[in-house]
Amino acid sequence: MSNKVDIHYCTGCRWLLRAAWMAQELLTTFEQEIGELTLHPGTGGIFEVWVNGKRIWSRKEQQGFPEITQLKQLVRDEVAPDRPLGHTDRTGPPQS
């Protein structure tokens, strides 16, 4: 359980609840895979999700927020690529 997730969110935009909800969803789904999850308050409209030092989502680059199923798939691809996510996994694990 050495995987680390960081969620950076804008306090001025009041995105704490969104960040905390996404954190809860990720910790519930990946309780065996995530060893640490940190919320980082920031400014300037930031909303980014990082896994093990790799940015997997940027609100500015992707022009919005991820759907929770999409975020879970992105996190899964980093922490447990062979793991299916059940009925919410429309694509399944990445194919080699």
PDB file of N, CA and C in Angstrom:
ATOM      1  N   MET A   1       0.825  -1.194   0.000  1.00  0.00           N
ATOM      2  CA  MET A   1       0.000   0.000   0.000  1.00  0.00           C
ATOM      3  C   MET A   1       0.863   1.249   0.000  1.00  0.00           C
ATOM      4  N   SER A   2       1.764   1.351  -0.916  1.00  0.00           N
ATOM      5  CA  SER A   2       2.650   2.511  -0.939  1.00  0.00           C
ATOM      6  C   SER A   2       2.177   3.590  -1.908  1.00  0.00           C
ATOM      7  N   ASN A   3       1.022   3.403  -2.534  1.00  0.00           N
ATOM      8  CA  ASN A   3       0.537   4.393  -3.491  1.00  0.00           C
ATOM      9  C   ASN A   3       0.038   5.643  -2.792  1.00  0.00           C
ATOM     10  N   LYS A   4       0.370   6.792  -3.383  1.00  0.00           N
ATOM     11  CA  LYS A   4      -0.003   8.074  -2.805  1.00  0.00           C
ATOM     12  C   LYS A   4      -0.823   8.871  -3.811  1.00  0.00           C
ATOM     13  N   VAL A   5      -1.946   9.400  -3.350  1.00  0.00           N
ATOM     14  CA  VAL A   5      -2.810  10.242  -4.172  1.00  0.00           C
ATOM     15  C   VAL A   5      -2.832  11.638  -3.555  1.00  0.00           C
ATOM     16  N   ASP A   6      -2.693  12.655  -4.400  1.00  0.00           N
ATOM     17  CA  ASP A   6      -2.768  14.050  -3.971  1.00  0.00           C
ATOM     18  C   ASP A   6      -3.842  14.747  -4.789  1.00  0.00           C
ATOM     19  N   ILE A   7      -4.734  15.435  -4.097  1.00  0.00           N
ATOM     20  CA  ILE A   7      -5.762  16.221  -4.771  1.00  0.00           C
ATOM     21  C   ILE A   7      -5.537  17.687  -4.398  1.00  0.00           C
ATOM     22  N   HIS A   8      -5.255  18.496  -5.406  1.00  0.00           N
ATOM     23  CA  HIS A   8      -5.050  19.932  -5.224  1.00  0.00           C
ATOM     24  C   HIS A   8      -6.329  20.638  -5.658  1.00  0.00           C
ATOM     25  N   TYR A   9      -6.855  21.507  -4.799  1.00  0.00           N
ATOM     26  CA  TYR A   9      -8.128  22.170  -5.100  1.00  0.00           C
ATOM     27  C   TYR A   9      -8.065  23.647  -4.711  1.00  0.00           C
ATOM     28  N   CYS A  10      -8.916  24.438  -5.337  1.00  0.00           N
ATOM     29  CA  CYS A  10      -8.949  25.881  -5.094  1.00  0.00           C
ATOM     30  C   CYS A  10      -9.914  26.215  -3.945  1.00  0.00           C
ATOM     31  N   THR A  11      -9.377  26.884  -2.936  1.00  0.00           N
ATOM     32  CA  THR A  11     -10.220  27.287  -1.805  1.00  0.00           C
ATOM     33  C   THR A  11     -11.134  28.447  -2.189  1.00  0.00           C
ATOM     34  N   GLY A  12     -10.654  29.343  -3.026  1.00  0.00           N
ATOM     35  CA  GLY A  12     -11.462  30.485  -3.467  1.00  0.00           C
ATOM     36  C   GLY A  12     -12.678  30.060  -4.269  1.00  0.00           C
ATOM     37  N   CYS A  13     -12.547  28.939  -4.956  1.00  0.00           N
ATOM     38  CA  CYS A  13     -13.656  28.410  -5.764  1.00  0.00           C
ATOM     39  C   CYS A  13     -14.576  27.513  -4.936  1.00  0.00           C
ATOM     40  N   ARG A  14     -14.204  27.271  -3.688  1.00  0.00           N
ATOM     41  CA  ARG A  14     -15.005  26.436  -2.777  1.00  0.00           C
ATOM     42  C   ARG A  14     -15.106  24.989  -3.257  1.00  0.00           C
ATOM     43  N   TRP A  15     -13.976  24.422  -3.676  1.00  0.00           N
ATOM     44  CA  TRP A  15     -13.979  23.060  -4.192  1.00  0.00           C
ATOM     45  C   TRP A  15     -13.556  22.016  -3.165  1.00  0.00           C
ATOM     46  N   LEU A  16     -13.495  22.392  -1.890  1.00  0.00           N
ATOM     47  CA  LEU A  16     -13.144  21.436  -0.849  1.00  0.00           C
ATOM     48  C   LEU A  16     -14.115  20.259  -0.812  1.00  0.00           C
ATOM     49  N   LEU A  17     -15.417  20.515  -0.852  1.00  0.00           N
ATOM     50  CA  LEU A  17     -16.387  19.416  -0.774  1.00  0.00           C
ATOM     51  C   LEU A  17     -16.239  18.449  -1.944  1.00  0.00           C
ATOM     52  N   ARG A  18     -15.999  18.972  -3.136  1.00  0.00           N
ATOM     53  CA  ARG A  18     -15.786  18.125  -4.308  1.00  0.00           C
ATOM     54  C   ARG A  18     -14.524  17.280  -4.119  1.00  0.00           C
ATOM     55  N   ALA A  19     -13.452  17.916  -3.660  1.00  0.00           N
ATOM     56  CA  ALA A  19     -12.194  17.199  -3.444  1.00  0.00           C
ATOM     57  C   ALA A  19     -12.348  16.125  -2.367  1.00  0.00           C
ATOM     58  N   ALA A  20     -13.032  16.466  -1.285  1.00  0.00           N
ATOM     59  CA  ALA A  20     -13.226  15.515  -0.189  1.00  0.00           C
ATOM     60  C   ALA A  20     -14.107  14.343  -0.626  1.00  0.00           C
ATOM     61  N   TRP A  21     -15.134  14.615  -1.411  1.00  0.00           N
ATOM     62  CA  TRP A  21     -15.995  13.537  -1.908  1.00  0.00           C
ATOM     63  C   TRP A  21     -15.209  12.606  -2.822  1.00  0.00           C
ATOM     64  N   MET A  22     -14.419  13.178  -3.721  1.00  0.00           N
ATOM     65  CA  MET A  22     -13.612  12.347  -4.615  1.00  0.00           C
ATOM     66  C   MET A  22     -12.593  11.539  -3.815  1.00  0.00           C
ATOM     67  N   ALA A  23     -12.014  12.147  -2.790  1.00  0.00           N
ATOM     68  CA  ALA A  23     -11.072  11.426  -1.928  1.00  0.00           C
ATOM     69  C   ALA A  23     -11.758  10.244  -1.258  1.00  0.00           C
ATOM     70  N   GLN A  24     -12.952  10.462  -0.742  1.00  0.00           N
ATOM     71  CA  GLN A  24     -13.713   9.388  -0.093  1.00  0.00           C
ATOM     72  C   GLN A  24     -13.991   8.257  -1.072  1.00  0.00           C
ATOM     73  N   GLU A  25     -14.421   8.595  -2.271  1.00  0.00           N
ATOM     74  CA  GLU A  25     -14.710   7.581  -3.291  1.00  0.00           C
ATOM     75  C   GLU A  25     -13.461   6.770  -3.635  1.00  0.00           C
ATOM     76  N   LEU A  26     -12.333   7.448  -3.787  1.00  0.00           N
ATOM     77  CA  LEU A  26     -11.092   6.748  -4.126  1.00  0.00           C
ATOM     78  C   LEU A  26     -10.625   5.859  -2.978  1.00  0.00           C
ATOM     79  N   LEU A  27     -10.703   6.365  -1.757  1.00  0.00           N
ATOM     80  CA  LEU A  27     -10.272   5.565  -0.601  1.00  0.00           C
ATOM     81  C   LEU A  27     -11.173   4.354  -0.394  1.00  0.00           C
ATOM     82  N   THR A  28     -12.449   4.492  -0.677  1.00  0.00           N
ATOM     83  CA  THR A  28     -13.373   3.369  -0.554  1.00  0.00           C
ATOM     84  C   THR A  28     -13.106   2.322  -1.630  1.00  0.00           C
ATOM     85  N   THR A  29     -12.897   2.763  -2.844  1.00  0.00           N
ATOM     86  CA  THR A  29     -12.680   1.844  -3.963  1.00  0.00           C
ATOM     87  C   THR A  29     -11.314   1.173  -3.886  1.00  0.00           C
ATOM     88  N   PHE A  30     -10.301   1.929  -3.486  1.00  0.00           N
ATOM     89  CA  PHE A  30      -8.926   1.416  -3.500  1.00  0.00           C
ATOM     90  C   PHE A  30      -8.358   1.317  -2.090  1.00  0.00           C
ATOM     91  N   GLU A  31      -9.139   0.777  -1.169  1.00  0.00           N
ATOM     92  CA  GLU A  31      -8.704   0.738   0.230  1.00  0.00           C
ATOM     93  C   GLU A  31      -7.456  -0.114   0.429  1.00  0.00           C
ATOM     94  N   GLN A  32      -7.223  -1.101  -0.424  1.00  0.00           N
ATOM     95  CA  GLN A  32      -6.028  -1.936  -0.312  1.00  0.00           C
ATOM     96  C   GLN A  32      -4.841  -1.367  -1.089  1.00  0.00           C
ATOM     97  N   GLU A  33      -5.108  -0.498  -2.049  1.00  0.00           N
ATOM     98  CA  GLU A  33      -4.049  -0.006  -2.920  1.00  0.00           C
ATOM     99  C   GLU A  33      -3.498   1.368  -2.538  1.00  0.00           C
ATOM    100  N   ILE A  34      -4.319   2.209  -1.921  1.00  0.00           N
ATOM    101  CA  ILE A  34      -3.881   3.565  -1.571  1.00  0.00           C
ATOM    102  C   ILE A  34      -3.413   3.592  -0.121  1.00  0.00           C
ATOM    103  N   GLY A  35      -2.168   3.992   0.072  1.00  0.00           N
ATOM    104  CA  GLY A  35      -1.614   4.089   1.414  1.00  0.00           C
ATOM    105  C   GLY A  35      -1.703   5.487   1.991  1.00  0.00           C
ATOM    106  N   GLU A  36      -1.871   6.478   1.114  1.00  0.00           N
ATOM    107  CA  GLU A  36      -1.921   7.862   1.572  1.00  0.00           C
ATOM    108  C   GLU A  36      -2.703   8.688   0.558  1.00  0.00           C
ATOM    109  N   LEU A  37      -3.571   9.553   1.066  1.00  0.00           N
ATOM    110  CA  LEU A  37      -4.295  10.491   0.217  1.00  0.00           C
ATOM    111  C   LEU A  37      -4.293  11.836   0.921  1.00  0.00           C
ATOM    112  N   THR A  38      -3.841  12.861   0.211  1.00  0.00           N
ATOM    113  CA  THR A  38      -3.698  14.186   0.802  1.00  0.00           C
ATOM    114  C   THR A  38      -4.473  15.209  -0.001  1.00  0.00           C
ATOM    115  N   LEU A  39      -5.185  16.088   0.700  1.00  0.00           N
ATOM    116  CA  LEU A  39      -5.861  17.221   0.081  1.00  0.00           C
ATOM    117  C   LEU A  39      -4.972  18.448   0.252  1.00  0.00           C
ATOM    118  N   HIS A  40      -4.752  19.177  -0.833  1.00  0.00           N
ATOM    119  CA  HIS A  40      -3.879  20.348  -0.827  1.00  0.00           C
ATOM    120  C   HIS A  40      -4.677  21.586  -1.214  1.00  0.00           C
ATOM    121  N   PRO A  41      -4.989  22.483  -0.266  1.00  0.00           N
ATOM    122  CA  PRO A  41      -5.686  23.712  -0.619  1.00  0.00           C
ATOM    123  C   PRO A  41      -4.783  24.607  -1.457  1.00  0.00           C
ATOM    124  N   GLY A  42      -5.369  25.269  -2.436  1.00  0.00           N
ATOM    125  CA  GLY A  42      -4.613  26.174  -3.291  1.00  0.00           C
ATOM    126  C   GLY A  42      -5.498  27.296  -3.782  1.00  0.00           C
ATOM    127  N   THR A  43      -5.014  27.996  -4.806  1.00  0.00           N
ATOM    128  CA  THR A  43      -5.745  29.126  -5.373  1.00  0.00           C
ATOM    129  C   THR A  43      -5.644  29.076  -6.893  1.00  0.00           C
ATOM    130  N   GLY A  44      -6.270  30.033  -7.543  1.00  0.00           N
ATOM    131  CA  GLY A  44      -6.134  30.172  -8.982  1.00  0.00           C
ATOM    132  C   GLY A  44      -6.943  29.193  -9.799  1.00  0.00           C
ATOM    133  N   GLY A  45      -7.994  28.614  -9.211  1.00  0.00           N
ATOM    134  CA  GLY A  45      -8.843  27.698  -9.957  1.00  0.00           C
ATOM    135  C   GLY A  45      -8.248  26.311 -10.144  1.00  0.00           C
ATOM    136  N   ILE A  46      -7.285  25.958  -9.304  1.00  0.00           N
ATOM    137  CA  ILE A  46      -6.630  24.654  -9.457  1.00  0.00           C
ATOM    138  C   ILE A  46      -7.542  23.514  -9.023  1.00  0.00           C
ATOM    139  N   PHE A  47      -7.535  22.467  -9.811  1.00  0.00           N
ATOM    140  CA  PHE A  47      -8.101  21.186  -9.405  1.00  0.00           C
ATOM    141  C   PHE A  47      -7.321  20.131 -10.174  1.00  0.00           C
ATOM    142  N   GLU A  48      -6.404  19.478  -9.463  1.00  0.00           N
ATOM    143  CA  GLU A  48      -5.548  18.464 -10.070  1.00  0.00           C
ATOM    144  C   GLU A  48      -5.508  17.233  -9.185  1.00  0.00           C
ATOM    145  N   VAL A  49      -5.367  16.089  -9.844  1.00  0.00           N
ATOM    146  CA  VAL A  49      -5.216  14.828  -9.123  1.00  0.00           C
ATOM    147  C   VAL A  49      -3.901  14.202  -9.566  1.00  0.00           C
ATOM    148  N   TRP A  50      -3.097  13.829  -8.580  1.00  0.00           N
ATOM    149  CA  TRP A  50      -1.789  13.224  -8.810  1.00  0.00           C
ATOM    150  C   TRP A  50      -1.757  11.842  -8.164  1.00  0.00           C
ATOM    151  N   VAL A  51      -1.121  10.895  -8.825  1.00  0.00           N
ATOM    152  CA  VAL A  51      -0.904   9.559  -8.257  1.00  0.00           C
ATOM    153  C   VAL A  51       0.585   9.253  -8.349  1.00  0.00           C
ATOM    154  N   ASN A  52       1.197   9.040  -7.204  1.00  0.00           N
ATOM    155  CA  ASN A  52       2.627   8.712  -7.137  1.00  0.00           C
ATOM    156  C   ASN A  52       3.476   9.719  -7.922  1.00  0.00           C
ATOM    157  N   GLY A  53       3.125  11.004  -7.792  1.00  0.00           N
ATOM    158  CA  GLY A  53       3.903  12.056  -8.438  1.00  0.00           C
ATOM    159  C   GLY A  53       3.585  12.291  -9.902  1.00  0.00           C
ATOM    160  N   LYS A  54       2.599  11.575 -10.457  1.00  0.00           N
ATOM    161  CA  LYS A  54       2.203  11.743 -11.860  1.00  0.00           C
ATOM    162  C   LYS A  54       0.822  12.389 -11.903  1.00  0.00           C
ATOM    163  N   ARG A  55       0.725  13.512 -12.600  1.00  0.00           N
ATOM    164  CA  ARG A  55      -0.573  14.174 -12.713  1.00  0.00           C
ATOM    165  C   ARG A  55      -1.454  13.378 -13.674  1.00  0.00           C
ATOM    166  N   ILE A  56      -2.629  12.971 -13.162  1.00  0.00           N
ATOM    167  CA  ILE A  56      -3.560  12.212 -14.009  1.00  0.00           C
ATOM    168  C   ILE A  56      -4.778  13.042 -14.399  1.00  0.00           C
ATOM    169  N   TRP A  57      -4.967  14.195 -13.734  1.00  0.00           N
ATOM    170  CA  TRP A  57      -6.082  15.074 -14.110  1.00  0.00           C
ATOM    171  C   TRP A  57      -5.730  16.517 -13.794  1.00  0.00           C
ATOM    172  N   SER A  58      -6.035  17.390 -14.712  1.00  0.00           N
ATOM    173  CA  SER A  58      -5.914  18.832 -14.510  1.00  0.00           C
ATOM    174  C   SER A  58      -7.170  19.487 -15.061  1.00  0.00           C
ATOM    175  N   ARG A  59      -7.897  20.178 -14.208  1.00  0.00           N
ATOM    176  CA  ARG A  59      -9.125  20.838 -14.642  1.00  0.00           C
ATOM    177  C   ARG A  59      -8.851  21.820 -15.779  1.00  0.00           C
ATOM    178  N   LYS A  60      -7.730  22.516 -15.712  1.00  0.00           N
ATOM    179  CA  LYS A  60      -7.412  23.488 -16.766  1.00  0.00           C
ATOM    180  C   LYS A  60      -7.111  22.789 -18.086  1.00  0.00           C
ATOM    181  N   GLU A  61      -6.336  21.714 -18.047  1.00  0.00           N
ATOM    182  CA  GLU A  61      -5.986  21.016 -19.283  1.00  0.00           C
ATOM    183  C   GLU A  61      -7.171  20.240 -19.866  1.00  0.00           C
ATOM    184  N   GLN A  62      -7.945  19.586 -19.004  1.00  0.00           N
ATOM    185  CA  GLN A  62      -9.079  18.780 -19.475  1.00  0.00           C
ATOM    186  C   GLN A  62     -10.362  19.598 -19.595  1.00  0.00           C
ATOM    187  N   GLN A  63     -10.292  20.881 -19.267  1.00  0.00           N
ATOM    188  CA  GLN A  63     -11.434  21.786 -19.397  1.00  0.00           C
ATOM    189  C   GLN A  63     -12.631  21.368 -18.546  1.00  0.00           C
ATOM    190  N   GLY A  64     -12.377  20.893 -17.330  1.00  0.00           N
ATOM    191  CA  GLY A  64     -13.475  20.541 -16.439  1.00  0.00           C
ATOM    192  C   GLY A  64     -13.051  19.503 -15.420  1.00  0.00           C
ATOM    193  N   PHE A  65     -14.031  19.020 -14.721  1.00  0.00           N
ATOM    194  CA  PHE A  65     -13.803  18.021 -13.679  1.00  0.00           C
ATOM    195  C   PHE A  65     -14.040  16.622 -14.230  1.00  0.00           C
ATOM    196  N   PRO A  66     -13.363  15.621 -13.663  1.00  0.00           N
ATOM    197  CA  PRO A  66     -13.619  14.248 -14.118  1.00  0.00           C
ATOM    198  C   PRO A  66     -14.918  13.718 -13.523  1.00  0.00           C
ATOM    199  N   GLU A  67     -15.589  12.855 -14.271  1.00  0.00           N
ATOM    200  CA  GLU A  67     -16.669  12.072 -13.683  1.00  0.00           C
ATOM    201  C   GLU A  67     -15.998  11.099 -12.717  1.00  0.00           C
ATOM    202  N   ILE A  68     -16.677  10.691 -11.673  1.00  0.00           N
ATOM    203  CA  ILE A  68     -16.041   9.828 -10.675  1.00  0.00           C
ATOM    204  C   ILE A  68     -15.624   8.485 -11.280  1.00  0.00           C
ATOM    205  N   THR A  69     -16.413   7.938 -12.198  1.00  0.00           N
ATOM    206  CA  THR A  69     -16.019   6.666 -12.812  1.00  0.00           C
ATOM    207  C   THR A  69     -14.753   6.844 -13.645  1.00  0.00           C
ATOM    208  N   GLN A  70     -14.657   7.971 -14.333  1.00  0.00           N
ATOM    209  CA  GLN A  70     -13.464   8.256 -15.125  1.00  0.00           C
ATOM    210  C   GLN A  70     -12.242   8.401 -14.218  1.00  0.00           C
ATOM    211  N   LEU A  71     -12.400   9.107 -13.096  1.00  0.00           N
ATOM    212  CA  LEU A  71     -11.292   9.288 -12.166  1.00  0.00           C
ATOM    213  C   LEU A  71     -10.848   7.948 -11.581  1.00  0.00           C
ATOM    214  N   LYS A  72     -11.804   7.116 -11.233  1.00  0.00           N
ATOM    215  CA  LYS A  72     -11.455   5.790 -10.696  1.00  0.00           C
ATOM    216  C   LYS A  72     -10.685   4.968 -11.716  1.00  0.00           C
ATOM    217  N   GLN A  73     -11.075   5.067 -12.981  1.00  0.00           N
ATOM    218  CA  GLN A  73     -10.350   4.336 -14.023  1.00  0.00           C
ATOM    219  C   GLN A  73      -8.917   4.839 -14.153  1.00  0.00           C
ATOM    220  N   LEU A  74      -8.734   6.157 -14.101  1.00  0.00           N
ATOM    221  CA  LEU A  74      -7.399   6.730 -14.198  1.00  0.00           C
ATOM    222  C   LEU A  74      -6.523   6.323 -13.016  1.00  0.00           C
ATOM    223  N   VAL A  75      -7.109   6.344 -11.819  1.00  0.00           N
ATOM    224  CA  VAL A  75      -6.357   5.928 -10.626  1.00  0.00           C
ATOM    225  C   VAL A  75      -6.051   4.443 -10.711  1.00  0.00           C
ATOM    226  N   ARG A  76      -7.037   3.653 -11.088  1.00  0.00           N
ATOM    227  CA  ARG A  76      -6.836   2.207 -11.233  1.00  0.00           C
ATOM    228  C   ARG A  76      -5.676   1.905 -12.174  1.00  0.00           C
ATOM    229  N   ASP A  77      -5.607   2.622 -13.294  1.00  0.00           N
ATOM    230  CA  ASP A  77      -4.549   2.391 -14.268  1.00  0.00           C
ATOM    231  C   ASP A  77      -3.164   2.593 -13.665  1.00  0.00           C
ATOM    232  N   GLU A  78      -3.081   3.417 -12.621  1.00  0.00           N
ATOM    233  CA  GLU A  78      -1.793   3.683 -11.966  1.00  0.00           C
ATOM    234  C   GLU A  78      -1.512   2.739 -10.796  1.00  0.00           C
ATOM    235  N   VAL A  79      -2.532   2.397 -10.020  1.00  0.00           N
ATOM    236  CA  VAL A  79      -2.291   1.647  -8.774  1.00  0.00           C
ATOM    237  C   VAL A  79      -2.596   0.163  -8.864  1.00  0.00           C
ATOM    238  N   ALA A  80      -3.461  -0.243  -9.792  1.00  0.00           N
ATOM    239  CA  ALA A  80      -3.851  -1.655  -9.909  1.00  0.00           C
ATOM    240  C   ALA A  80      -4.343  -1.927 -11.330  1.00  0.00           C
ATOM    241  N   PRO A  81      -3.445  -1.864 -12.324  1.00  0.00           N
ATOM    242  CA  PRO A  81      -3.871  -1.920 -13.718  1.00  0.00           C
ATOM    243  C   PRO A  81      -4.627  -3.180 -14.124  1.00  0.00           C
ATOM    244  N   ASP A  82      -4.444  -4.267 -13.412  1.00  0.00           N
ATOM    245  CA  ASP A  82      -5.126  -5.513 -13.775  1.00  0.00           C
ATOM    246  C   ASP A  82      -6.478  -5.680 -13.094  1.00  0.00           C
ATOM    247  N   ARG A  83      -6.827  -4.732 -12.251  1.00  0.00           N
ATOM    248  CA  ARG A  83      -8.054  -4.857 -11.471  1.00  0.00           C
ATOM    249  C   ARG A  83      -9.276  -4.333 -12.206  1.00  0.00           C
ATOM    250  N   PRO A  84     -10.318  -5.156 -12.348  1.00  0.00           N
ATOM    251  CA  PRO A  84     -11.564  -4.638 -12.923  1.00  0.00           C
ATOM    252  C   PRO A  84     -12.307  -3.791 -11.889  1.00  0.00           C
ATOM    253  N   LEU A  85     -13.087  -2.846 -12.366  1.00  0.00           N
ATOM    254  CA  LEU A  85     -13.856  -1.985 -11.467  1.00  0.00           C
ATOM    255  C   LEU A  85     -15.336  -2.351 -11.434  1.00  0.00           C
ATOM    256  N   GLY A  86     -15.692  -3.501 -11.955  1.00  0.00           N
ATOM    257  CA  GLY A  86     -17.083  -3.933 -11.910  1.00  0.00           C
ATOM    258  C   GLY A  86     -17.932  -3.226 -12.941  1.00  0.00           C
ATOM    259  N   HIS A  87     -19.200  -3.013 -12.603  1.00  0.00           N
ATOM    260  CA  HIS A  87     -20.155  -2.470 -13.567  1.00  0.00           C
ATOM    261  C   HIS A  87     -19.861  -1.041 -13.998  1.00  0.00           C
ATOM    262  N   THR A  88     -19.074  -0.308 -13.216  1.00  0.00           N
ATOM    263  CA  THR A  88     -18.753   1.068 -13.602  1.00  0.00           C
ATOM    264  C   THR A  88     -17.577   1.145 -14.564  1.00  0.00           C
ATOM    265  N   ASP A  89     -16.936   0.007 -14.820  1.00  0.00           N
ATOM    266  CA  ASP A  89     -15.748  -0.016 -15.671  1.00  0.00           C
ATOM    267  C   ASP A  89     -16.166  -0.324 -17.102  1.00  0.00           C
ATOM    268  N   ARG A  90     -16.325   0.715 -17.898  1.00  0.00           N
ATOM    269  CA  ARG A  90     -16.825   0.484 -19.258  1.00  0.00           C
ATOM    270  C   ARG A  90     -15.769  -0.069 -20.195  1.00  0.00           C
ATOM    271  N   THR A  91     -14.495   0.088 -19.851  1.00  0.00           N
ATOM    272  CA  THR A  91     -13.468  -0.369 -20.768  1.00  0.00           C
ATOM    273  C   THR A  91     -12.656  -1.536 -20.226  1.00  0.00           C
ATOM    274  N   GLY A  92     -12.701  -1.762 -18.927  1.00  0.00           N
ATOM    275  CA  GLY A  92     -11.872  -2.824 -18.347  1.00  0.00           C
ATOM    276  C   GLY A  92     -10.447  -2.362 -18.218  1.00  0.00           C
ATOM    277  N   PRO A  93      -9.600  -3.243 -17.676  1.00  0.00           N
ATOM    278  CA  PRO A  93      -8.190  -2.897 -17.511  1.00  0.00           C
ATOM    279  C   PRO A  93      -7.549  -2.626 -18.863  1.00  0.00           C
ATOM    280  N   PRO A  94      -6.500  -1.809 -18.880  1.00  0.00           N
ATOM    281  CA  PRO A  94      -5.822  -1.528 -20.146  1.00  0.00           C
ATOM    282  C   PRO A  94      -5.238  -2.796 -20.738  1.00  0.00           C
ATOM    283  N   GLN A  95      -5.291  -2.893 -22.044  1.00  0.00           N
ATOM    284  CA  GLN A  95      -4.775  -4.062 -22.736  1.00  0.00           C
ATOM    285  C   GLN A  95      -3.324  -3.815 -23.125  1.00  0.00           C
ATOM    286  N   SER A  96      -2.516  -4.846 -23.019  1.00  0.00           N
ATOM    287  CA  SER A  96      -1.101  -4.737 -23.402  1.00  0.00           C
ATOM    288  C   SER A  96      -0.940  -4.888 -24.892  1.00  0.00           C
TER     289      SER A  96
END
